[in-house]
Amino acid sequence: MAEKRATVTCPECGQRETFDKLARARAFIETHRSETGHEATWELHRLSPGVERAGDDAGVCGRPECTTEDSPLYLGDDANVCD
């Protein structure tokens, strides 16, 4: 069985689906939006290690212990997108 990568939930109608591929989750969100007008959201369960490292290097979580200031991806102190 494939690992579950994302769970999509619609707060308006309570529909909830889990997907093993992010592309399928995105397609579900778009289809659900076009068919119902609802804004479903997703929770990502796991990202590839490279994506997680890039986010850490860029400092996107806003925690100094996560950032790598020498990285070309580092966004600086104003990158607190998780706050």
PDB file of N, CA and C in Angstrom:
ATOM      1  N   MET A   1       0.848  -1.179   0.000  1.00  0.00           N
ATOM      2  CA  MET A   1       0.000   0.000   0.000  1.00  0.00           C
ATOM      3  C   MET A   1       0.891   1.240   0.000  1.00  0.00           C
ATOM      4  N   ALA A   2       0.538   2.226  -0.789  1.00  0.00           N
ATOM      5  CA  ALA A   2       1.317   3.461  -0.900  1.00  0.00           C
ATOM      6  C   ALA A   2       1.164   4.310   0.354  1.00  0.00           C
ATOM      7  N   GLU A   3       2.214   5.055   0.643  1.00  0.00           N
ATOM      8  CA  GLU A   3       2.200   5.951   1.796  1.00  0.00           C
ATOM      9  C   GLU A   3       1.264   7.125   1.535  1.00  0.00           C
ATOM     10  N   LYS A   4       0.517   7.513   2.541  1.00  0.00           N
ATOM     11  CA  LYS A   4      -0.402   8.642   2.396  1.00  0.00           C
ATOM     12  C   LYS A   4       0.379   9.944   2.527  1.00  0.00           C
ATOM     13  N   ARG A   5       0.255  10.817   1.530  1.00  0.00           N
ATOM     14  CA  ARG A   5       1.021  12.059   1.478  1.00  0.00           C
ATOM     15  C   ARG A   5       0.223  13.276   1.898  1.00  0.00           C
ATOM     16  N   ALA A   6      -1.108  13.255   1.666  1.00  0.00           N
ATOM     17  CA  ALA A   6      -1.916  14.438   1.965  1.00  0.00           C
ATOM     18  C   ALA A   6      -3.346  14.034   2.287  1.00  0.00           C
ATOM     19  N   THR A   7      -3.957  14.811   3.167  1.00  0.00           N
ATOM     20  CA  THR A   7      -5.371  14.653   3.469  1.00  0.00           C
ATOM     21  C   THR A   7      -6.053  15.971   3.128  1.00  0.00           C
ATOM     22  N   VAL A   8      -7.107  15.881   2.324  1.00  0.00           N
ATOM     23  CA  VAL A   8      -7.876  17.057   1.917  1.00  0.00           C
ATOM     24  C   VAL A   8      -9.194  17.031   2.681  1.00  0.00           C
ATOM     25  N   THR A   9      -9.542  18.179   3.260  1.00  0.00           N
ATOM     26  CA  THR A   9     -10.771  18.300   4.035  1.00  0.00           C
ATOM     27  C   THR A   9     -11.536  19.531   3.572  1.00  0.00           C
ATOM     28  N   CYS A  10     -12.840  19.381   3.434  1.00  0.00           N
ATOM     29  CA  CYS A  10     -13.695  20.516   3.116  1.00  0.00           C
ATOM     30  C   CYS A  10     -14.501  20.863   4.359  1.00  0.00           C
ATOM     31  N   PRO A  11     -14.233  22.026   4.964  1.00  0.00           N
ATOM     32  CA  PRO A  11     -14.969  22.402   6.171  1.00  0.00           C
ATOM     33  C   PRO A  11     -16.450  22.692   5.908  1.00  0.00           C
ATOM     34  N   GLU A  12     -16.802  22.994   4.665  1.00  0.00           N
ATOM     35  CA  GLU A  12     -18.196  23.347   4.372  1.00  0.00           C
ATOM     36  C   GLU A  12     -19.105  22.125   4.279  1.00  0.00           C
ATOM     37  N   CYS A  13     -18.592  21.027   3.690  1.00  0.00           N
ATOM     38  CA  CYS A  13     -19.452  19.847   3.539  1.00  0.00           C
ATOM     39  C   CYS A  13     -18.938  18.634   4.308  1.00  0.00           C
ATOM     40  N   GLY A  14     -17.758  18.762   4.932  1.00  0.00           N
ATOM     41  CA  GLY A  14     -17.226  17.678   5.743  1.00  0.00           C
ATOM     42  C   GLY A  14     -16.563  16.563   4.960  1.00  0.00           C
ATOM     43  N   GLN A  15     -16.449  16.711   3.660  1.00  0.00           N
ATOM     44  CA  GLN A  15     -15.787  15.668   2.869  1.00  0.00           C
ATOM     45  C   GLN A  15     -14.304  15.614   3.221  1.00  0.00           C
ATOM     46  N   ARG A  16     -13.778  14.399   3.301  1.00  0.00           N
ATOM     47  CA  ARG A  16     -12.379  14.199   3.675  1.00  0.00           C
ATOM     48  C   ARG A  16     -11.829  13.043   2.850  1.00  0.00           C
ATOM     49  N   GLU A  17     -10.702  13.270   2.185  1.00  0.00           N
ATOM     50  CA  GLU A  17     -10.063  12.245   1.360  1.00  0.00           C
ATOM     51  C   GLU A  17      -8.572  12.247   1.641  1.00  0.00           C
ATOM     52  N   THR A  18      -7.958  11.065   1.597  1.00  0.00           N
ATOM     53  CA  THR A  18      -6.527  10.941   1.784  1.00  0.00           C
ATOM     54  C   THR A  18      -5.916  10.440   0.485  1.00  0.00           C
ATOM     55  N   PHE A  19      -4.748  10.991   0.133  1.00  0.00           N
ATOM     56  CA  PHE A  19      -4.115  10.705  -1.152  1.00  0.00           C
ATOM     57  C   PHE A  19      -2.672  10.274  -0.976  1.00  0.00           C
ATOM     58  N   ASP A  20      -2.220   9.397  -1.885  1.00  0.00           N
ATOM     59  CA  ASP A  20      -0.831   8.971  -1.863  1.00  0.00           C
ATOM     60  C   ASP A  20       0.041   9.838  -2.772  1.00  0.00           C
ATOM     61  N   LYS A  21      -0.569  10.661  -3.600  1.00  0.00           N
ATOM     62  CA  LYS A  21       0.165  11.553  -4.501  1.00  0.00           C
ATOM     63  C   LYS A  21      -0.375  12.971  -4.350  1.00  0.00           C
ATOM     64  N   LEU A  22       0.551  13.936  -4.264  1.00  0.00           N
ATOM     65  CA  LEU A  22       0.141  15.335  -4.114  1.00  0.00           C
ATOM     66  C   LEU A  22      -0.632  15.830  -5.323  1.00  0.00           C
ATOM     67  N   ALA A  23      -0.269  15.362  -6.505  1.00  0.00           N
ATOM     68  CA  ALA A  23      -0.979  15.792  -7.718  1.00  0.00           C
ATOM     69  C   ALA A  23      -2.456  15.400  -7.653  1.00  0.00           C
ATOM     70  N   ARG A  24      -2.737  14.226  -7.128  1.00  0.00           N
ATOM     71  CA  ARG A  24      -4.135  13.791  -7.003  1.00  0.00           C
ATOM     72  C   ARG A  24      -4.884  14.646  -5.984  1.00  0.00           C
ATOM     73  N   ALA A  25      -4.204  15.012  -4.911  1.00  0.00           N
ATOM     74  CA  ALA A  25      -4.829  15.873  -3.903  1.00  0.00           C
ATOM     75  C   ALA A  25      -5.139  17.242  -4.492  1.00  0.00           C
ATOM     76  N   ARG A  26      -4.183  17.816  -5.244  1.00  0.00           N
ATOM     77  CA  ARG A  26      -4.421  19.122  -5.885  1.00  0.00           C
ATOM     78  C   ARG A  26      -5.579  19.043  -6.870  1.00  0.00           C
ATOM     79  N   ALA A  27      -5.621  17.973  -7.658  1.00  0.00           N
ATOM     80  CA  ALA A  27      -6.707  17.806  -8.629  1.00  0.00           C
ATOM     81  C   ALA A  27      -8.054  17.702  -7.916  1.00  0.00           C
ATOM     82  N   PHE A  28      -8.092  16.982  -6.795  1.00  0.00           N
ATOM     83  CA  PHE A  28      -9.327  16.864  -6.025  1.00  0.00           C
ATOM     84  C   PHE A  28      -9.788  18.226  -5.534  1.00  0.00           C
ATOM     85  N   ILE A  29      -8.852  19.020  -5.012  1.00  0.00           N
ATOM     86  CA  ILE A  29      -9.200  20.357  -4.507  1.00  0.00           C
ATOM     87  C   ILE A  29      -9.789  21.202  -5.625  1.00  0.00           C
ATOM     88  N   GLU A  30      -9.155  21.193  -6.787  1.00  0.00           N
ATOM     89  CA  GLU A  30      -9.647  21.994  -7.915  1.00  0.00           C
ATOM     90  C   GLU A  30     -11.013  21.505  -8.392  1.00  0.00           C
ATOM     91  N   THR A  31     -11.188  20.207  -8.499  1.00  0.00           N
ATOM     92  CA  THR A  31     -12.473  19.656  -8.933  1.00  0.00           C
ATOM     93  C   THR A  31     -13.560  19.979  -7.918  1.00  0.00           C
ATOM     94  N   HIS A  32     -13.250  19.804  -6.646  1.00  0.00           N
ATOM     95  CA  HIS A  32     -14.228  20.098  -5.592  1.00  0.00           C
ATOM     96  C   HIS A  32     -14.612  21.574  -5.619  1.00  0.00           C
ATOM     97  N   ARG A  33     -13.634  22.446  -5.809  1.00  0.00           N
ATOM     98  CA  ARG A  33     -13.907  23.888  -5.881  1.00  0.00           C
ATOM     99  C   ARG A  33     -14.817  24.202  -7.073  1.00  0.00           C
ATOM    100  N   SER A  34     -14.500  23.630  -8.233  1.00  0.00           N
ATOM    101  CA  SER A  34     -15.291  23.952  -9.426  1.00  0.00           C
ATOM    102  C   SER A  34     -16.697  23.361  -9.358  1.00  0.00           C
ATOM    103  N   GLU A  35     -16.845  22.208  -8.732  1.00  0.00           N
ATOM    104  CA  GLU A  35     -18.160  21.564  -8.658  1.00  0.00           C
ATOM    105  C   GLU A  35     -19.041  22.118  -7.537  1.00  0.00           C
ATOM    106  N   THR A  36     -18.426  22.551  -6.435  1.00  0.00           N
ATOM    107  CA  THR A  36     -19.233  22.953  -5.273  1.00  0.00           C
ATOM    108  C   THR A  36     -19.056  24.417  -4.876  1.00  0.00           C
ATOM    109  N   GLY A  37     -17.948  25.018  -5.293  1.00  0.00           N
ATOM    110  CA  GLY A  37     -17.636  26.369  -4.847  1.00  0.00           C
ATOM    111  C   GLY A  37     -16.993  26.395  -3.467  1.00  0.00           C
ATOM    112  N   HIS A  38     -16.751  25.234  -2.890  1.00  0.00           N
ATOM    113  CA  HIS A  38     -16.140  25.127  -1.562  1.00  0.00           C
ATOM    114  C   HIS A  38     -14.616  25.225  -1.657  1.00  0.00           C
ATOM    115  N   GLU A  39     -14.021  25.763  -0.608  1.00  0.00           N
ATOM    116  CA  GLU A  39     -12.561  25.880  -0.524  1.00  0.00           C
ATOM    117  C   GLU A  39     -12.020  24.798   0.403  1.00  0.00           C
ATOM    118  N   ALA A  40     -11.666  23.667  -0.166  1.00  0.00           N
ATOM    119  CA  ALA A  40     -11.077  22.578   0.619  1.00  0.00           C
ATOM    120  C   ALA A  40      -9.630  22.934   0.962  1.00  0.00           C
ATOM    121  N   THR A  41      -9.144  22.380   2.053  1.00  0.00           N
ATOM    122  CA  THR A  41      -7.763  22.597   2.475  1.00  0.00           C
ATOM    123  C   THR A  41      -7.067  21.247   2.567  1.00  0.00           C
ATOM    124  N   TRP A  42      -5.746  21.289   2.587  1.00  0.00           N
ATOM    125  CA  TRP A  42      -5.027  20.036   2.708  1.00  0.00           C
ATOM    126  C   TRP A  42      -3.997  20.087   3.813  1.00  0.00           C
ATOM    127  N   GLU A  43      -3.709  18.913   4.329  1.00  0.00           N
ATOM    128  CA  GLU A  43      -2.650  18.720   5.311  1.00  0.00           C
ATOM    129  C   GLU A  43      -1.641  17.788   4.659  1.00  0.00           C
ATOM    130  N   LEU A  44      -0.408  18.240   4.575  1.00  0.00           N
ATOM    131  CA  LEU A  44       0.641  17.415   3.988  1.00  0.00           C
ATOM    132  C   LEU A  44       1.276  16.580   5.087  1.00  0.00           C
ATOM    133  N   HIS A  45       1.346  15.282   4.869  1.00  0.00           N
ATOM    134  CA  HIS A  45       1.873  14.373   5.885  1.00  0.00           C
ATOM    135  C   HIS A  45       3.387  14.241   5.798  1.00  0.00           C
ATOM    136  N   ARG A  46       3.908  14.333   4.593  1.00  0.00           N
ATOM    137  CA  ARG A  46       5.340  14.143   4.422  1.00  0.00           C
ATOM    138  C   ARG A  46       5.770  14.821   3.134  1.00  0.00           C
ATOM    139  N   LEU A  47       6.890  15.501   3.212  1.00  0.00           N
ATOM    140  CA  LEU A  47       7.508  16.081   2.031  1.00  0.00           C
ATOM    141  C   LEU A  47       8.809  15.329   1.784  1.00  0.00           C
ATOM    142  N   SER A  48       9.299  15.388   0.576  1.00  0.00           N
ATOM    143  CA  SER A  48      10.575  14.730   0.309  1.00  0.00           C
ATOM    144  C   SER A  48      11.661  15.417   1.121  1.00  0.00           C
ATOM    145  N   PRO A  49      12.720  14.692   1.499  1.00  0.00           N
ATOM    146  CA  PRO A  49      13.791  15.288   2.302  1.00  0.00           C
ATOM    147  C   PRO A  49      14.393  16.541   1.667  1.00  0.00           C
ATOM    148  N   GLY A  50      14.500  16.582   0.346  1.00  0.00           N
ATOM    149  CA  GLY A  50      15.046  17.760  -0.327  1.00  0.00           C
ATOM    150  C   GLY A  50      14.174  18.987  -0.149  1.00  0.00           C
ATOM    151  N   VAL A  51      12.879  18.814  -0.191  1.00  0.00           N
ATOM    152  CA  VAL A  51      11.948  19.924  -0.006  1.00  0.00           C
ATOM    153  C   VAL A  51      12.015  20.415   1.438  1.00  0.00           C
ATOM    154  N   GLU A  52      12.066  19.488   2.386  1.00  0.00           N
ATOM    155  CA  GLU A  52      12.175  19.891   3.787  1.00  0.00           C
ATOM    156  C   GLU A  52      13.474  20.642   4.042  1.00  0.00           C
ATOM    157  N   ARG A  53      14.566  20.160   3.480  1.00  0.00           N
ATOM    158  CA  ARG A  53      15.851  20.834   3.673  1.00  0.00           C
ATOM    159  C   ARG A  53      15.840  22.221   3.037  1.00  0.00           C
ATOM    160  N   ALA A  54      15.268  22.344   1.847  1.00  0.00           N
ATOM    161  CA  ALA A  54      15.195  23.651   1.187  1.00  0.00           C
ATOM    162  C   ALA A  54      14.386  24.632   2.026  1.00  0.00           C
ATOM    163  N   GLY A  55      13.281  24.172   2.599  1.00  0.00           N
ATOM    164  CA  GLY A  55      12.485  25.031   3.463  1.00  0.00           C
ATOM    165  C   GLY A  55      13.259  25.457   4.696  1.00  0.00           C
ATOM    166  N   ASP A  56      13.999  24.515   5.279  1.00  0.00           N
ATOM    167  CA  ASP A  56      14.824  24.846   6.443  1.00  0.00           C
ATOM    168  C   ASP A  56      15.901  25.856   6.060  1.00  0.00           C
ATOM    169  N   ASP A  57      16.595  25.608   4.947  1.00  0.00           N
ATOM    170  CA  ASP A  57      17.650  26.518   4.508  1.00  0.00           C
ATOM    171  C   ASP A  57      17.107  27.916   4.249  1.00  0.00           C
ATOM    172  N   ALA A  58      15.904  27.982   3.715  1.00  0.00           N
ATOM    173  CA  ALA A  58      15.305  29.275   3.400  1.00  0.00           C
ATOM    174  C   ALA A  58      14.811  29.993   4.653  1.00  0.00           C
ATOM    175  N   GLY A  59      14.678  29.280   5.751  1.00  0.00           N
ATOM    176  CA  GLY A  59      14.214  29.892   6.996  1.00  0.00           C
ATOM    177  C   GLY A  59      12.722  30.118   7.022  1.00  0.00           C
ATOM    178  N   VAL A  60      11.952  29.310   6.294  1.00  0.00           N
ATOM    179  CA  VAL A  60      10.524  29.573   6.183  1.00  0.00           C
ATOM    180  C   VAL A  60       9.750  29.343   7.473  1.00  0.00           C
ATOM    181  N   CYS A  61      10.299  28.590   8.411  1.00  0.00           N
ATOM    182  CA  CYS A  61       9.548  28.375   9.654  1.00  0.00           C
ATOM    183  C   CYS A  61       9.791  29.504  10.649  1.00  0.00           C
ATOM    184  N   GLY A  62      10.797  30.323  10.413  1.00  0.00           N
ATOM    185  CA  GLY A  62      11.031  31.470  11.278  1.00  0.00           C
ATOM    186  C   GLY A  62      11.809  31.175  12.536  1.00  0.00           C
ATOM    187  N   ARG A  63      12.208  29.947  12.722  1.00  0.00           N
ATOM    188  CA  ARG A  63      12.983  29.591  13.915  1.00  0.00           C
ATOM    189  C   ARG A  63      14.468  29.618  13.577  1.00  0.00           C
ATOM    190  N   PRO A  64      15.273  30.373  14.297  1.00  0.00           N
ATOM    191  CA  PRO A  64      16.704  30.482  13.996  1.00  0.00           C
ATOM    192  C   PRO A  64      17.414  29.140  13.958  1.00  0.00           C
ATOM    193  N   GLU A  65      16.994  28.194  14.789  1.00  0.00           N
ATOM    194  CA  GLU A  65      17.671  26.898  14.809  1.00  0.00           C
ATOM    195  C   GLU A  65      17.420  26.074  13.550  1.00  0.00           C
ATOM    196  N   CYS A  66      16.457  26.473  12.735  1.00  0.00           N
ATOM    197  CA  CYS A  66      16.143  25.747  11.502  1.00  0.00           C
ATOM    198  C   CYS A  66      16.856  26.323  10.279  1.00  0.00           C
ATOM    199  N   THR A  67      17.387  27.485  10.377  1.00  0.00           N
ATOM    200  CA  THR A  67      17.908  28.163   9.194  1.00  0.00           C
ATOM    201  C   THR A  67      19.380  27.885   8.953  1.00  0.00           C
ATOM    202  N   THR A  68      19.768  28.001   7.709  1.00  0.00           N
ATOM    203  CA  THR A  68      21.158  27.896   7.297  1.00  0.00           C
ATOM    204  C   THR A  68      21.481  29.194   6.562  1.00  0.00           C
ATOM    205  N   GLU A  69      22.014  30.159   7.282  1.00  0.00           N
ATOM    206  CA  GLU A  69      22.225  31.492   6.725  1.00  0.00           C
ATOM    207  C   GLU A  69      23.205  31.505   5.556  1.00  0.00           C
ATOM    208  N   ASP A  70      24.058  30.496   5.447  1.00  0.00           N
ATOM    209  CA  ASP A  70      25.006  30.425   4.334  1.00  0.00           C
ATOM    210  C   ASP A  70      24.373  29.883   3.057  1.00  0.00           C
ATOM    211  N   SER A  71      23.170  29.374   3.142  1.00  0.00           N
ATOM    212  CA  SER A  71      22.504  28.787   1.983  1.00  0.00           C
ATOM    213  C   SER A  71      22.029  29.871   1.021  1.00  0.00           C
ATOM    214  N   PRO A  72      22.110  29.615  -0.283  1.00  0.00           N
ATOM    215  CA  PRO A  72      21.551  30.570  -1.251  1.00  0.00           C
ATOM    216  C   PRO A  72      20.030  30.677  -1.159  1.00  0.00           C
ATOM    217  N   LEU A  73      19.402  29.749  -0.456  1.00  0.00           N
ATOM    218  CA  LEU A  73      17.943  29.773  -0.288  1.00  0.00           C
ATOM    219  C   LEU A  73      17.490  30.613   0.900  1.00  0.00           C
ATOM    220  N   TYR A  74      18.423  31.025   1.736  1.00  0.00           N
ATOM    221  CA  TYR A  74      18.077  31.768   2.948  1.00  0.00           C
ATOM    222  C   TYR A  74      17.357  33.061   2.588  1.00  0.00           C
ATOM    223  N   LEU A  75      16.199  33.274   3.186  1.00  0.00           N
ATOM    224  CA  LEU A  75      15.367  34.434   2.874  1.00  0.00           C
ATOM    225  C   LEU A  75      15.576  35.611   3.817  1.00  0.00           C
ATOM    226  N   GLY A  76      16.327  35.417   4.874  1.00  0.00           N
ATOM    227  CA  GLY A  76      16.560  36.497   5.817  1.00  0.00           C
ATOM    228  C   GLY A  76      15.605  36.438   6.988  1.00  0.00           C
ATOM    229  N   ASP A  77      15.752  37.423   7.872  1.00  0.00           N
ATOM    230  CA  ASP A  77      14.963  37.441   9.103  1.00  0.00           C
ATOM    231  C   ASP A  77      13.486  37.735   8.889  1.00  0.00           C
ATOM    232  N   ASP A  78      13.092  38.252   7.745  1.00  0.00           N
ATOM    233  CA  ASP A  78      11.695  38.597   7.495  1.00  0.00           C
ATOM    234  C   ASP A  78      10.921  37.462   6.839  1.00  0.00           C
ATOM    235  N   ALA A  79      11.467  36.256   6.870  1.00  0.00           N
ATOM    236  CA  ALA A  79      10.850  35.125   6.169  1.00  0.00           C
ATOM    237  C   ALA A  79       9.902  34.341   7.047  1.00  0.00           C
ATOM    238  N   ASN A  80       9.384  34.884   8.092  1.00  0.00           N
ATOM    239  CA  ASN A  80       8.564  34.146   9.047  1.00  0.00           C
ATOM    240  C   ASN A  80       7.186  33.838   8.479  1.00  0.00           C
ATOM    241  N   VAL A  81       7.125  32.977   7.476  1.00  0.00           N
ATOM    242  CA  VAL A  81       5.860  32.659   6.847  1.00  0.00           C
ATOM    243  C   VAL A  81       5.009  31.707   7.671  1.00  0.00           C
ATOM    244  N   CYS A  82       5.580  31.063   8.664  1.00  0.00           N
ATOM    245  CA  CYS A  82       4.805  30.141   9.505  1.00  0.00           C
ATOM    246  C   CYS A  82       4.167  30.839  10.693  1.00  0.00           C
ATOM    247  N   ASP A  83       4.557  32.049  10.965  1.00  0.00           N
ATOM    248  CA  ASP A  83       4.033  32.751  12.137  1.00  0.00           C
ATOM    249  C   ASP A  83       2.661  33.306  11.898  1.00  0.00           C
TER     250      ASP A  83
END
